[in-house]
Amino acid sequence: MDEPPSHPVMIVGLGYGGRAQYIARHVSIGDPVDLRLEADNPYDPFTIAAFHRDRHIGYIAPGWRWVAHALEQGDRLAAIITAFEYGARDDLTAVMIEITFLKEVSESISSPALGTAPWAPRIVYAPRPRWPVLIPLGLLAALAAVAWMLMEWGFLPQIARLTGAP
């Protein structure tokens, strides 16, 4: 039988309540992490808190919403610490974990195709809007036209002399 798939996920929010100090002293690579859905969170009911030996160490980063959906659906997950990330000042910024499904995500016989599972992130391609470039260029062209008209009518003789006009 194939080994269950595992997914890398990031734990953030380490800068509060001495979490980074606790992690530096007591947490090591390979330690298990308990993930709990905070459904009563008034800001986001899909917030997932991460615990190491019943000590709150942070939250799953918002980009991994599928973890909340998996917990909400009752899937059993195993999370193990795989790495630590440090910032420019050598301060702990994130903890990387590896999440493995302990039971099948889908109860059907066949697995869903890649990217089609209900908890998979939806990636939508959208072309970048052109207005951030067009508006400044249009304003610059309008300003140049107004300056040229003012020079032609003689209201800006100083600029006209700079351009070489008589």
Protein backbone atom coordinates (compact mmCIF):
# COMPACT_ATOMS: atom_id res chain seq x y z
CA MET A 1 0.00 0.00 0.00
CA ASP A 2 1.21 3.51 -0.79
CA GLU A 3 2.40 5.79 1.95
CA PRO A 4 -0.14 8.56 2.72
CA PRO A 5 0.70 11.91 1.15
CA SER A 6 2.24 14.60 3.30
CA HIS A 7 2.10 18.34 2.80
CA PRO A 8 4.45 21.09 4.04
CA VAL A 9 2.70 23.80 6.05
CA MET A 10 3.97 26.87 7.92
CA ILE A 11 3.21 27.89 11.51
CA VAL A 12 3.37 31.65 12.09
CA GLY A 13 2.51 34.05 14.90
CA LEU A 14 5.49 33.10 17.03
CA GLY A 15 6.17 36.60 18.38
CA TYR A 16 3.44 36.64 21.02
CA GLY A 17 3.51 35.49 24.65
CA GLY A 18 7.01 34.06 24.62
CA ARG A 19 6.19 31.46 21.96
CA ALA A 20 9.53 31.85 20.17
CA GLN A 21 11.45 31.38 23.41
CA TYR A 22 9.45 28.25 24.24
CA ILE A 23 10.09 26.84 20.77
CA ALA A 24 13.82 27.57 21.00
CA ARG A 25 14.09 25.75 24.35
CA HIS A 26 11.64 22.86 24.09
CA VAL A 27 10.82 22.09 20.45
CA SER A 28 12.98 20.05 18.10
CA ILE A 29 12.67 18.60 14.61
CA GLY A 30 10.55 15.47 14.59
CA ASP A 31 8.30 16.53 17.48
CA PRO A 32 4.56 16.04 16.94
CA VAL A 33 2.24 19.05 16.75
CA ASP A 34 -1.45 19.02 17.65
CA LEU A 35 -3.69 21.09 15.34
CA ARG A 36 -7.01 22.43 16.63
CA LEU A 37 -9.67 24.33 14.72
CA GLU A 38 -10.74 27.52 16.56
CA ALA A 39 -14.35 27.68 15.34
CA ASP A 40 -15.24 30.22 18.05
CA ASN A 41 -12.65 32.74 16.79
CA PRO A 42 -14.62 35.96 16.07
CA TYR A 43 -12.20 37.08 13.34
CA ASP A 44 -11.89 33.87 11.35
CA PRO A 45 -13.70 30.63 12.20
CA PHE A 46 -11.17 28.68 10.09
CA THR A 47 -8.21 29.63 12.29
CA ILE A 48 -6.04 26.65 13.24
CA ALA A 49 -3.99 26.79 16.42
CA ALA A 50 -0.85 24.68 16.71
CA PHE A 51 0.10 23.11 20.06
CA HIS A 52 3.27 21.40 21.22
CA ARG A 53 2.65 19.32 24.37
CA ASP A 54 -0.53 21.35 25.08
CA ARG A 55 1.40 24.65 24.79
CA HIS A 56 0.11 27.05 22.15
CA ILE A 57 3.00 27.81 19.76
CA GLY A 58 1.28 29.62 16.87
CA TYR A 59 -1.18 29.39 14.01
CA ILE A 60 -1.24 27.76 10.61
CA ALA A 61 -0.58 30.49 8.04
CA PRO A 62 -3.76 31.71 6.29
CA GLY A 63 -2.69 30.37 2.88
CA TRP A 64 -3.30 26.78 3.98
CA ARG A 65 -7.06 26.96 4.45
CA TRP A 66 -7.43 23.34 3.29
CA VAL A 67 -6.13 22.21 6.70
CA ALA A 68 -9.12 23.86 8.39
CA HIS A 69 -11.50 22.23 5.93
CA ALA A 70 -9.89 18.83 6.52
CA LEU A 71 -10.23 19.22 10.31
CA GLU A 72 -13.80 20.46 9.89
CA GLN A 73 -14.66 17.34 7.85
CA GLY A 74 -13.27 15.13 10.62
CA ASP A 75 -10.11 13.99 8.87
CA ARG A 76 -7.38 12.79 11.18
CA LEU A 77 -4.09 14.58 10.60
CA ALA A 78 -0.60 13.96 11.93
CA ALA A 79 1.75 16.94 12.01
CA ILE A 80 5.50 16.74 12.64
CA ILE A 81 8.00 19.61 12.85
CA THR A 82 10.46 19.54 9.95
CA ALA A 83 12.33 22.89 10.03
CA PHE A 84 12.67 26.32 11.60
CA GLU A 85 12.85 29.58 9.63
CA TYR A 86 14.81 32.57 10.88
CA GLY A 87 14.61 36.24 9.89
CA ALA A 88 17.35 38.70 8.99
CA ARG A 89 18.06 39.42 12.68
CA ASP A 90 18.35 35.71 13.44
CA ASP A 91 14.95 35.66 15.14
CA LEU A 92 12.57 32.74 14.74
CA THR A 93 9.86 33.68 12.22
CA ALA A 94 8.16 30.39 11.32
CA VAL A 95 8.07 26.69 12.02
CA MET A 96 7.66 24.30 9.10
CA ILE A 97 5.61 21.17 9.68
CA GLU A 98 4.69 18.20 7.53
CA ILE A 99 1.00 17.19 7.65
CA THR A 100 -0.02 13.63 6.80
CA PHE A 101 -3.59 12.36 6.43
CA LEU A 102 -4.15 9.35 8.68
CA LYS A 103 -7.30 8.33 6.83
CA GLU A 104 -8.42 8.87 3.27
CA VAL A 105 -9.58 12.40 2.45
CA SER A 106 -12.24 11.02 0.15
CA GLU A 107 -14.32 7.99 1.08
CA SER A 108 -14.64 7.06 -2.60
CA ILE A 109 -12.56 4.26 -4.09
CA SER A 110 -10.62 6.52 -6.42
CA SER A 111 -8.61 9.51 -5.29
CA PRO A 112 -9.56 12.93 -6.64
CA ALA A 113 -7.47 14.32 -9.46
CA LEU A 114 -4.71 16.74 -8.47
CA GLY A 115 -6.10 20.18 -7.65
CA THR A 116 -9.74 19.03 -7.65
CA ALA A 117 -10.16 17.93 -4.04
CA PRO A 118 -12.63 20.06 -2.05
CA TRP A 119 -9.85 21.33 0.22
CA ALA A 120 -7.39 22.12 -2.60
CA PRO A 121 -6.63 25.80 -3.15
CA ARG A 122 -8.28 27.34 -6.19
CA ILE A 123 -5.84 29.17 -8.42
CA VAL A 124 -7.43 31.63 -10.79
CA TYR A 125 -5.50 33.32 -13.57
CA ALA A 126 -6.39 36.92 -14.11
CA PRO A 127 -4.47 39.30 -16.36
CA ARG A 128 -2.99 42.28 -14.63
CA PRO A 129 -5.01 45.45 -15.15
CA ARG A 130 -3.46 48.04 -17.43
CA TRP A 131 -4.86 51.12 -15.73
CA PRO A 132 -1.95 51.55 -13.26
CA VAL A 133 0.24 52.29 -16.31
CA LEU A 134 -2.29 53.98 -18.59
CA ILE A 135 -3.53 56.58 -16.12
CA PRO A 136 -0.08 58.06 -15.31
CA LEU A 137 0.88 58.02 -19.00
CA GLY A 138 -2.40 59.73 -19.92
CA LEU A 139 -1.89 62.38 -17.24
CA LEU A 140 1.67 62.98 -18.42
CA ALA A 141 0.50 63.37 -22.04
CA ALA A 142 -2.24 65.81 -20.97
CA LEU A 143 0.26 67.85 -18.94
CA ALA A 144 2.65 68.01 -21.91
CA ALA A 145 -0.19 69.13 -24.21
CA VAL A 146 -1.23 71.89 -21.81
CA ALA A 147 2.38 73.10 -21.46
CA TRP A 148 2.81 73.14 -25.26
CA MET A 149 -0.43 75.14 -25.71
CA LEU A 150 0.63 77.65 -23.06
CA MET A 151 3.99 78.09 -24.82
CA GLU A 152 2.28 78.57 -28.19
CA TRP A 153 -0.02 81.24 -26.77
CA GLY A 154 2.91 83.01 -25.12
CA PHE A 155 2.00 82.42 -21.50
CA LEU A 156 5.21 80.52 -20.78
CA PRO A 157 8.00 82.53 -22.42
CA GLN A 158 10.67 81.20 -20.05
CA ILE A 159 10.01 77.61 -21.10
CA ALA A 160 9.82 78.69 -24.73
CA ARG A 161 13.31 80.22 -24.50
CA LEU A 162 14.64 77.00 -22.98
CA THR A 163 13.33 75.01 -25.92
CA GLY A 164 15.02 77.30 -28.43
CA ALA A 165 11.92 79.14 -29.69
CA PRO A 166 12.36 82.81 -30.78
